[in-house]
C-alpha atoms as a PDB file:
ATOM      1  CA  UNK A   1     -10.970  28.651 -41.222  1.00  0.00           C
ATOM      2  CA  UNK A   2     -11.526  30.841 -38.187  1.00  0.00           C
ATOM      3  CA  UNK A   3      -9.864  29.674 -34.987  1.00  0.00           C
ATOM      4  CA  UNK A   4     -13.158  30.144 -33.165  1.00  0.00           C
ATOM      5  CA  UNK A   5     -15.271  28.432 -35.807  1.00  0.00           C
ATOM      6  CA  UNK A   6     -17.589  25.773 -34.302  1.00  0.00           C
ATOM      7  CA  UNK A   7     -16.522  23.397 -37.072  1.00  0.00           C
ATOM      8  CA  UNK A   8     -12.864  23.454 -36.007  1.00  0.00           C
ATOM      9  CA  UNK A   9     -11.805  19.930 -35.029  1.00  0.00           C
ATOM     10  CA  UNK A  10     -10.254  19.614 -31.540  1.00  0.00           C
ATOM     11  CA  UNK A  11      -6.634  18.697 -31.145  1.00  0.00           C
ATOM     12  CA  UNK A  12      -6.292  14.970 -30.502  1.00  0.00           C
ATOM     13  CA  UNK A  13      -4.982  15.486 -26.952  1.00  0.00           C
ATOM     14  CA  UNK A  14      -7.959  17.766 -26.204  1.00  0.00           C
ATOM     15  CA  UNK A  15     -10.533  15.407 -27.704  1.00  0.00           C
ATOM     16  CA  UNK A  16     -12.056  13.970 -24.536  1.00  0.00           C
ATOM     17  CA  UNK A  17     -14.506  11.814 -26.450  1.00  0.00           C
ATOM     18  CA  UNK A  18     -11.520  10.062 -28.024  1.00  0.00           C
ATOM     19  CA  UNK A  19      -9.467   9.961 -24.811  1.00  0.00           C
ATOM     20  CA  UNK A  20     -12.343   8.271 -22.986  1.00  0.00           C
ATOM     21  CA  UNK A  21     -13.055   5.820 -25.782  1.00  0.00           C
ATOM     22  CA  UNK A  22     -11.850   2.267 -26.248  1.00  0.00           C
ATOM     23  CA  UNK A  23      -9.253   3.494 -28.753  1.00  0.00           C
ATOM     24  CA  UNK A  24      -7.894   5.919 -26.154  1.00  0.00           C
ATOM     25  CA  UNK A  25      -7.349   3.227 -23.497  1.00  0.00           C
ATOM     26  CA  UNK A  26      -3.584   2.811 -24.149  1.00  0.00           C
ATOM     27  CA  UNK A  27      -3.151   6.552 -23.577  1.00  0.00           C
ATOM     28  CA  UNK A  28      -5.107   6.392 -20.315  1.00  0.00           C
ATOM     29  CA  UNK A  29      -2.969   3.479 -19.142  1.00  0.00           C
ATOM     30  CA  UNK A  30       0.248   5.298 -20.027  1.00  0.00           C
ATOM     31  CA  UNK A  31      -1.022   8.399 -18.221  1.00  0.00           C
ATOM     32  CA  UNK A  32      -1.330   6.339 -15.030  1.00  0.00           C
ATOM     33  CA  UNK A  33       2.348   5.471 -15.437  1.00  0.00           C
ATOM     34  CA  UNK A  34       3.837   8.796 -16.522  1.00  0.00           C
ATOM     35  CA  UNK A  35       1.857  11.242 -14.358  1.00  0.00           C
ATOM     36  CA  UNK A  36       2.759   9.521 -11.055  1.00  0.00           C
ATOM     37  CA  UNK A  37       6.349   9.088 -12.283  1.00  0.00           C
ATOM     38  CA  UNK A  38       6.616  12.810 -12.991  1.00  0.00           C
ATOM     39  CA  UNK A  39       5.108  13.721  -9.623  1.00  0.00           C
ATOM     40  CA  UNK A  40       7.306  11.315  -7.641  1.00  0.00           C
ATOM     41  CA  UNK A  41      10.335  12.778  -9.393  1.00  0.00           C
ATOM     42  CA  UNK A  42       9.176  16.345  -8.727  1.00  0.00           C
ATOM     43  CA  UNK A  43       8.799  15.665  -5.012  1.00  0.00           C
ATOM     44  CA  UNK A  44      11.973  13.610  -4.676  1.00  0.00           C
ATOM     45  CA  UNK A  45      10.288  10.339  -3.697  1.00  0.00           C
ATOM     46  CA  UNK A  46      12.815   7.536  -4.116  1.00  0.00           C
ATOM     47  CA  UNK A  47      11.093   4.557  -2.496  1.00  0.00           C
ATOM     48  CA  UNK A  48       8.361   3.584  -0.060  1.00  0.00           C
ATOM     49  CA  UNK A  49       7.232   1.394   2.817  1.00  0.00           C
ATOM     50  CA  UNK A  50       3.798   0.103   1.813  1.00  0.00           C
ATOM     51  CA  UNK A  51       0.952  -0.724   4.203  1.00  0.00           C
ATOM     52  CA  UNK A  52      -1.867  -3.013   3.054  1.00  0.00           C
ATOM     53  CA  UNK A  53      -4.946  -3.763   5.148  1.00  0.00           C
ATOM     54  CA  UNK A  54      -8.698  -3.469   5.511  1.00  0.00           C
ATOM     55  CA  UNK A  55     -10.522  -0.213   4.867  1.00  0.00           C
ATOM     56  CA  UNK A  56     -13.161  -1.395   7.357  1.00  0.00           C
ATOM     57  CA  UNK A  57     -11.054  -1.655  10.521  1.00  0.00           C
ATOM     58  CA  UNK A  58     -12.198   1.193  12.802  1.00  0.00           C
ATOM     59  CA  UNK A  59     -10.238   3.514  15.040  1.00  0.00           C
ATOM     60  CA  UNK A  60     -10.969   3.726  18.756  1.00  0.00           C
ATOM     61  CA  UNK A  61     -12.487   7.163  18.110  1.00  0.00           C
ATOM     62  CA  UNK A  62     -14.871   5.764  15.493  1.00  0.00           C
ATOM     63  CA  UNK A  63     -16.083   3.123  17.940  1.00  0.00           C
ATOM     64  CA  UNK A  64     -16.461   5.638  20.765  1.00  0.00           C
ATOM     65  CA  UNK A  65     -18.504   8.044  18.618  1.00  0.00           C
ATOM     66  CA  UNK A  66     -20.666   5.339  17.037  1.00  0.00           C
ATOM     67  CA  UNK A  67     -19.235   5.876  13.543  1.00  0.00           C
ATOM     68  CA  UNK A  68     -17.821   2.334  13.245  1.00  0.00           C
ATOM     69  CA  UNK A  69     -19.665  -0.406  11.359  1.00  0.00           C
ATOM     70  CA  UNK A  70     -21.965  -2.471  13.574  1.00  0.00           C
ATOM     71  CA  UNK A  71     -19.923  -5.662  13.381  1.00  0.00           C
ATOM     72  CA  UNK A  72     -18.359  -7.440  16.367  1.00  0.00           C
ATOM     73  CA  UNK A  73     -15.565  -8.918  14.266  1.00  0.00           C
ATOM     74  CA  UNK A  74     -14.433  -5.506  13.062  1.00  0.00           C
ATOM     75  CA  UNK A  75     -14.511  -4.124  16.605  1.00  0.00           C
ATOM     76  CA  UNK A  76     -12.195  -6.950  17.684  1.00  0.00           C
ATOM     77  CA  UNK A  77      -9.802  -5.949  14.893  1.00  0.00           C
ATOM     78  CA  UNK A  78      -9.739  -2.305  16.022  1.00  0.00           C
ATOM     79  CA  UNK A  79      -6.368  -2.661  17.862  1.00  0.00           C
ATOM     80  CA  UNK A  80      -4.742  -3.152  14.455  1.00  0.00           C
ATOM     81  CA  UNK A  81      -5.633   0.456  13.607  1.00  0.00           C
ATOM     82  CA  UNK A  82      -3.534   1.717  16.510  1.00  0.00           C
ATOM     83  CA  UNK A  83      -0.741  -0.787  15.808  1.00  0.00           C
ATOM     84  CA  UNK A  84      -0.599   0.457  12.203  1.00  0.00           C
ATOM     85  CA  UNK A  85      -0.530   4.065  13.361  1.00  0.00           C
ATOM     86  CA  UNK A  86       2.297   3.400  15.816  1.00  0.00           C
ATOM     87  CA  UNK A  87       4.366   1.400  13.332  1.00  0.00           C
ATOM     88  CA  UNK A  88       4.009   3.978  10.553  1.00  0.00           C
ATOM     89  CA  UNK A  89       4.935   6.754  12.971  1.00  0.00           C
ATOM     90  CA  UNK A  90       8.037   4.938  14.237  1.00  0.00           C
ATOM     91  CA  UNK A  91       9.190   4.031  10.716  1.00  0.00           C
ATOM     92  CA  UNK A  92       8.721   7.631   9.571  1.00  0.00           C
ATOM     93  CA  UNK A  93      10.713   8.941  12.522  1.00  0.00           C
ATOM     94  CA  UNK A  94      13.453   6.420  11.723  1.00  0.00           C
ATOM     95  CA  UNK A  95      13.559   7.311   8.018  1.00  0.00           C
ATOM     96  CA  UNK A  96      13.607  11.051   8.704  1.00  0.00           C
ATOM     97  CA  UNK A  97      16.600  10.590  11.011  1.00  0.00           C
ATOM     98  CA  UNK A  98      18.670   8.799   8.377  1.00  0.00           C
ATOM     99  CA  UNK A  99      21.641  10.796   7.032  1.00  0.00           C
ATOM    100  CA  UNK A 100      20.533   9.906   3.509  1.00  0.00           C
ATOM    101  CA  UNK A 101      18.167  11.593   1.074  1.00  0.00           C
ATOM    102  CA  UNK A 102      14.836  12.477   2.788  1.00  0.00           C
ATOM    103  CA  UNK A 103      12.958  10.849  -0.086  1.00  0.00           C
ATOM    104  CA  UNK A 104      13.738   7.401   1.280  1.00  0.00           C
ATOM    105  CA  UNK A 105      11.181   5.026   2.808  1.00  0.00           C
ATOM    106  CA  UNK A 106       8.059   7.207   2.579  1.00  0.00           C
ATOM    107  CA  UNK A 107       4.890   5.583   3.935  1.00  0.00           C
ATOM    108  CA  UNK A 108       2.503   4.574   1.126  1.00  0.00           C
ATOM    109  CA  UNK A 109      -1.058   3.247   1.368  1.00  0.00           C
ATOM    110  CA  UNK A 110      -4.147   2.785  -0.758  1.00  0.00           C
ATOM    111  CA  UNK A 111      -5.302   6.197   0.437  1.00  0.00           C
ATOM    112  CA  UNK A 112      -8.574   4.973   1.938  1.00  0.00           C
ATOM    113  CA  UNK A 113      -9.985   4.657   5.483  1.00  0.00           C
ATOM    114  CA  UNK A 114      -9.226   1.984   8.096  1.00  0.00           C
ATOM    115  CA  UNK A 115      -5.692   0.617   8.097  1.00  0.00           C
ATOM    116  CA  UNK A 116      -4.754   2.953   5.255  1.00  0.00           C
ATOM    117  CA  UNK A 117      -5.825   6.024   7.197  1.00  0.00           C
ATOM    118  CA  UNK A 118      -3.959   4.749  10.258  1.00  0.00           C
ATOM    119  CA  UNK A 119      -0.651   4.441   8.372  1.00  0.00           C
ATOM    120  CA  UNK A 120      -0.961   7.879   6.756  1.00  0.00           C
ATOM    121  CA  UNK A 121      -1.950   9.278  10.142  1.00  0.00           C
ATOM    122  CA  UNK A 122       1.124   7.841  11.843  1.00  0.00           C
ATOM    123  CA  UNK A 123       3.405   9.350   9.196  1.00  0.00           C
ATOM    124  CA  UNK A 124       1.628  12.696   9.496  1.00  0.00           C
ATOM    125  CA  UNK A 125       1.987  12.701  13.291  1.00  0.00           C
ATOM    126  CA  UNK A 126       5.717  12.088  12.909  1.00  0.00           C
ATOM    127  CA  UNK A 127       5.978  15.167  10.691  1.00  0.00           C
ATOM    128  CA  UNK A 128       6.640  13.184   7.528  1.00  0.00           C
ATOM    129  CA  UNK A 129       5.108  12.946   4.088  1.00  0.00           C
ATOM    130  CA  UNK A 130       2.976  10.002   2.990  1.00  0.00           C
ATOM    131  CA  UNK A 131       1.449   8.725  -0.231  1.00  0.00           C
ATOM    132  CA  UNK A 132      -2.119   7.640  -1.016  1.00  0.00           C
ATOM    133  CA  UNK A 133      -2.804   5.557  -4.126  1.00  0.00           C
ATOM    134  CA  UNK A 134      -6.590   5.496  -4.257  1.00  0.00           C
ATOM    135  CA  UNK A 135      -8.762   3.649  -6.770  1.00  0.00           C
ATOM    136  CA  UNK A 136     -12.021   4.867  -8.312  1.00  0.00           C
ATOM    137  CA  UNK A 137     -14.626   2.326  -7.233  1.00  0.00           C
ATOM    138  CA  UNK A 138     -18.346   2.719  -6.386  1.00  0.00           C
ATOM    139  CA  UNK A 139     -18.132   2.859  -2.595  1.00  0.00           C
ATOM    140  CA  UNK A 140     -19.197   5.347   0.036  1.00  0.00           C
ATOM    141  CA  UNK A 141     -17.281   8.597   0.097  1.00  0.00           C
ATOM    142  CA  UNK A 142     -14.464   8.732   2.599  1.00  0.00           C
ATOM    143  CA  UNK A 143     -11.921  11.237   3.772  1.00  0.00           C
ATOM    144  CA  UNK A 144      -8.314  10.353   4.534  1.00  0.00           C
ATOM    145  CA  UNK A 145      -7.009  13.766   5.453  1.00  0.00           C
ATOM    146  CA  UNK A 146      -3.587  12.459   6.463  1.00  0.00           C
ATOM    147  CA  UNK A 147      -2.267  11.830   2.934  1.00  0.00           C
ATOM    148  CA  UNK A 148       0.137  14.568   1.789  1.00  0.00           C
ATOM    149  CA  UNK A 149      -1.923  16.632  -0.704  1.00  0.00           C
ATOM    150  CA  UNK A 150       0.749  16.627  -3.429  1.00  0.00           C
ATOM    151  CA  UNK A 151       1.141  12.850  -3.080  1.00  0.00           C
ATOM    152  CA  UNK A 152      -2.521  11.868  -3.413  1.00  0.00           C
ATOM    153  CA  UNK A 153      -3.335   9.848  -6.558  1.00  0.00           C
ATOM    154  CA  UNK A 154      -6.508   8.346  -7.982  1.00  0.00           C
ATOM    155  CA  UNK A 155      -6.235   5.389 -10.354  1.00  0.00           C
ATOM    156  CA  UNK A 156      -8.793   3.848 -12.693  1.00  0.00           C
ATOM    157  CA  UNK A 157      -6.808   0.667 -13.391  1.00  0.00           C
ATOM    158  CA  UNK A 158      -6.064  -1.711 -10.529  1.00  0.00           C
ATOM    159  CA  UNK A 159      -3.007  -3.124 -12.300  1.00  0.00           C
ATOM    160  CA  UNK A 160      -1.387   0.319 -12.646  1.00  0.00           C
ATOM    161  CA  UNK A 161      -2.082   1.047  -8.991  1.00  0.00           C
ATOM    162  CA  UNK A 162      -0.503  -2.266  -7.994  1.00  0.00           C
ATOM    163  CA  UNK A 163       2.484  -1.511 -10.235  1.00  0.00           C
ATOM    164  CA  UNK A 164       3.213   1.628  -8.229  1.00  0.00           C
ATOM    165  CA  UNK A 165       2.771  -0.217  -4.942  1.00  0.00           C
ATOM    166  CA  UNK A 166       5.399  -2.821  -5.838  1.00  0.00           C
ATOM    167  CA  UNK A 167       7.752  -0.775  -8.033  1.00  0.00           C
ATOM    168  CA  UNK A 168       8.462   1.824  -5.349  1.00  0.00           C
ATOM    169  CA  UNK A 169       8.362  -0.495  -2.327  1.00  0.00           C
ATOM    170  CA  UNK A 170      11.396  -1.346  -0.235  1.00  0.00           C
ATOM    171  CA  UNK A 171       9.283  -2.940   2.532  1.00  0.00           C
ATOM    172  CA  UNK A 172       5.666  -4.055   2.939  1.00  0.00           C
ATOM    173  CA  UNK A 173       3.441  -4.419   6.003  1.00  0.00           C
ATOM    174  CA  UNK A 174       0.275  -6.512   5.569  1.00  0.00           C
ATOM    175  CA  UNK A 175      -2.368  -5.987   8.248  1.00  0.00           C
ATOM    176  CA  UNK A 176      -5.627  -7.983   8.468  1.00  0.00           C
ATOM    177  CA  UNK A 177      -7.868  -7.381   5.478  1.00  0.00           C
ATOM    178  CA  UNK A 178     -10.295  -8.769   2.948  1.00  0.00           C
ATOM    179  CA  UNK A 179     -10.283  -9.548  -0.766  1.00  0.00           C
ATOM    180  CA  UNK A 180      -8.206  -6.510  -1.703  1.00  0.00           C
ATOM    181  CA  UNK A 181      -5.542  -7.189   0.904  1.00  0.00           C
ATOM    182  CA  UNK A 182      -5.380 -10.876  -0.017  1.00  0.00           C
ATOM    183  CA  UNK A 183      -5.064  -9.962  -3.689  1.00  0.00           C
ATOM    184  CA  UNK A 184      -2.193  -7.571  -2.960  1.00  0.00           C
ATOM    185  CA  UNK A 185      -0.442 -10.053  -0.655  1.00  0.00           C
ATOM    186  CA  UNK A 186      -0.631 -13.019  -3.027  1.00  0.00           C
ATOM    187  CA  UNK A 187       0.396 -11.004  -6.076  1.00  0.00           C
ATOM    188  CA  UNK A 188       3.427  -9.793  -4.127  1.00  0.00           C
ATOM    189  CA  UNK A 189       4.330 -13.328  -3.006  1.00  0.00           C
ATOM    190  CA  UNK A 190       3.887 -14.600  -6.576  1.00  0.00           C
ATOM    191  CA  UNK A 191       6.239 -11.930  -7.930  1.00  0.00           C
ATOM    192  CA  UNK A 192       8.809 -12.876  -5.301  1.00  0.00           C
ATOM    193  CA  UNK A 193       8.441 -16.625  -5.888  1.00  0.00           C
ATOM    194  CA  UNK A 194       8.754 -16.346  -9.669  1.00  0.00           C
ATOM    195  CA  UNK A 195      11.595 -13.784  -9.472  1.00  0.00           C
ATOM    196  CA  UNK A 196       9.611 -11.367 -11.598  1.00  0.00           C
ATOM    197  CA  UNK A 197      10.487  -9.007  -8.770  1.00  0.00           C
ATOM    198  CA  UNK A 198      14.181  -9.606  -8.188  1.00  0.00           C
ATOM    199  CA  UNK A 199      14.686  -7.183  -5.305  1.00  0.00           C
ATOM    200  CA  UNK A 200      14.581  -8.715  -1.837  1.00  0.00           C
ATOM    201  CA  UNK A 201      12.555  -6.827   0.714  1.00  0.00           C
ATOM    202  CA  UNK A 202      10.993  -7.395   4.128  1.00  0.00           C
ATOM    203  CA  UNK A 203       7.325  -8.364   4.145  1.00  0.00           C
ATOM    204  CA  UNK A 204       5.671  -8.269   7.573  1.00  0.00           C
ATOM    205  CA  UNK A 205       2.481 -10.281   8.070  1.00  0.00           C
ATOM    206  CA  UNK A 206       1.002  -8.565  11.129  1.00  0.00           C
ATOM    207  CA  UNK A 207      -1.554 -10.446  13.226  1.00  0.00           C
ATOM    208  CA  UNK A 208      -0.629 -14.110  13.703  1.00  0.00           C
ATOM    209  CA  UNK A 209      -4.029 -15.274  14.943  1.00  0.00           C
ATOM    210  CA  UNK A 210      -5.901 -13.602  12.101  1.00  0.00           C
ATOM    211  CA  UNK A 211      -3.610 -14.842   9.339  1.00  0.00           C
ATOM    212  CA  UNK A 212      -3.246 -18.394  10.655  1.00  0.00           C
ATOM    213  CA  UNK A 213      -7.049 -18.682  10.666  1.00  0.00           C
ATOM    214  CA  UNK A 214      -7.651 -17.023   7.293  1.00  0.00           C
ATOM    215  CA  UNK A 215      -4.909 -18.661   5.190  1.00  0.00           C
ATOM    216  CA  UNK A 216      -3.407 -22.102   5.785  1.00  0.00           C
ATOM    217  CA  UNK A 217      -0.049 -21.870   4.063  1.00  0.00           C
ATOM    218  CA  UNK A 218       1.208 -24.980   5.860  1.00  0.00           C
ATOM    219  CA  UNK A 219      -1.464 -26.915   3.944  1.00  0.00           C
ATOM    220  CA  UNK A 220       0.006 -25.638   0.668  1.00  0.00           C
ATOM    221  CA  UNK A 221       3.425 -26.908   1.764  1.00  0.00           C
ATOM    222  CA  UNK A 222       1.911 -30.251   2.791  1.00  0.00           C
ATOM    223  CA  UNK A 223       0.195 -30.632  -0.566  1.00  0.00           C
ATOM    224  CA  UNK A 224       3.390 -29.661  -2.356  1.00  0.00           C
ATOM    225  CA  UNK A 225       1.976 -26.643  -4.193  1.00  0.00           C
ATOM    226  CA  UNK A 226       4.522 -24.342  -2.536  1.00  0.00           C
ATOM    227  CA  UNK A 227       7.846 -25.168  -0.907  1.00  0.00           C
ATOM    228  CA  UNK A 228       8.863 -24.769   2.719  1.00  0.00           C
ATOM    229  CA  UNK A 229      11.327 -22.071   1.654  1.00  0.00           C
ATOM    230  CA  UNK A 230       8.463 -19.986   0.268  1.00  0.00           C
ATOM    231  CA  UNK A 231       7.322 -19.339   3.846  1.00  0.00           C
ATOM    232  CA  UNK A 232      10.505 -17.299   4.389  1.00  0.00           C
ATOM    233  CA  UNK A 233       9.165 -14.568   2.094  1.00  0.00           C
ATOM    234  CA  UNK A 234       7.332 -12.990   5.022  1.00  0.00           C
ATOM    235  CA  UNK A 235       7.783 -12.337   8.745  1.00  0.00           C
ATOM    236  CA  UNK A 236       4.742 -12.970  11.000  1.00  0.00           C
ATOM    237  CA  UNK A 237       4.470 -10.941  14.200  1.00  0.00           C
ATOM    238  CA  UNK A 238       2.066  -9.325  16.646  1.00  0.00           C
ATOM    239  CA  UNK A 239       4.543  -6.748  17.891  1.00  0.00           C
ATOM    240  CA  UNK A 240       5.026  -3.197  16.612  1.00  0.00           C
ATOM    241  CA  UNK A 241       8.536  -3.199  18.060  1.00  0.00           C
ATOM    242  CA  UNK A 242       9.426  -6.495  16.359  1.00  0.00           C
ATOM    243  CA  UNK A 243       8.054  -5.295  13.037  1.00  0.00           C
ATOM    244  CA  UNK A 244       9.985  -2.031  13.289  1.00  0.00           C
ATOM    245  CA  UNK A 245      13.231  -3.805  14.161  1.00  0.00           C
ATOM    246  CA  UNK A 246      12.803  -6.411  11.425  1.00  0.00           C
ATOM    247  CA  UNK A 247      12.137  -3.821   8.717  1.00  0.00           C
ATOM    248  CA  UNK A 248      14.827  -1.336   9.718  1.00  0.00           C
ATOM    249  CA  UNK A 249      17.475  -4.032  10.273  1.00  0.00           C
ATOM    250  CA  UNK A 250      16.628  -5.621   6.925  1.00  0.00           C
ATOM    251  CA  UNK A 251      16.876  -2.285   5.108  1.00  0.00           C
ATOM    252  CA  UNK A 252      20.144  -1.345   6.789  1.00  0.00           C
ATOM    253  CA  UNK A 253      21.891  -4.711   7.054  1.00  0.00           C
ATOM    254  CA  UNK A 254      20.200  -7.008   4.532  1.00  0.00           C
ATOM    255  CA  UNK A 255      17.910 -10.038   4.964  1.00  0.00           C
ATOM    256  CA  UNK A 256      18.341 -12.485   7.859  1.00  0.00           C
ATOM    257  CA  UNK A 257      19.336 -16.065   7.171  1.00  0.00           C
ATOM    258  CA  UNK A 258      15.753 -17.322   7.544  1.00  0.00           C
ATOM    259  CA  UNK A 259      12.516 -15.735   8.655  1.00  0.00           C
ATOM    260  CA  UNK A 260      10.142 -17.385  11.131  1.00  0.00           C
ATOM    261  CA  UNK A 261       7.135 -19.304   9.875  1.00  0.00           C
ATOM    262  CA  UNK A 262       3.509 -18.742  10.744  1.00  0.00           C
END
């Protein structure tokens, strides 16, 4: 049969109808594991510092130019954009100055706007690389130009995206956010509580007033559904300097005896 015959069947790995079918789902899932793995290896990425937070929190520039959402609550959260930017910049400068492999402690975000943009921006301003793990969802188009081009990923499956967040992480910063941020935070705390994730790492809960209003973890302790010790999984703060010191000391010297509670 001629190679160019229209009746020639496509090779299985070139059969896009099959690859996008229900039967091809396991291959799509495995692709979202192996392709990032290959790229991280190619670029020498060993581990990350992950930033979670709202895509809706505006920068000061967005407010000044009228590009921010018309919502008073979001405008009040705008300082967290700059705090994220400063913290990511200082952590990148610290990691780049380490005498170890330069693939250590690379800033990683969800690759979107808001807090995610701020963290990638801080890393970019420090002269470092940063990662963006975006997800294909039906939202407005956005541009986060601060993600390193070779380290920009787009996922279809939330669970594969969250795998790469947690698998590579050596530290996590959680800024104010909505459903997505809460989902990421509580999955992380569940993995730590159940020892499904055995590595110990610093988790900073940034924004005491916001978090104490949004989630009442003391009530969970009071009702007995979590223990008092579970509150030591994270470090609440409002200070960029405190967050930087906590993360870098933890990574260099190990965890403190006990973390503060919210």
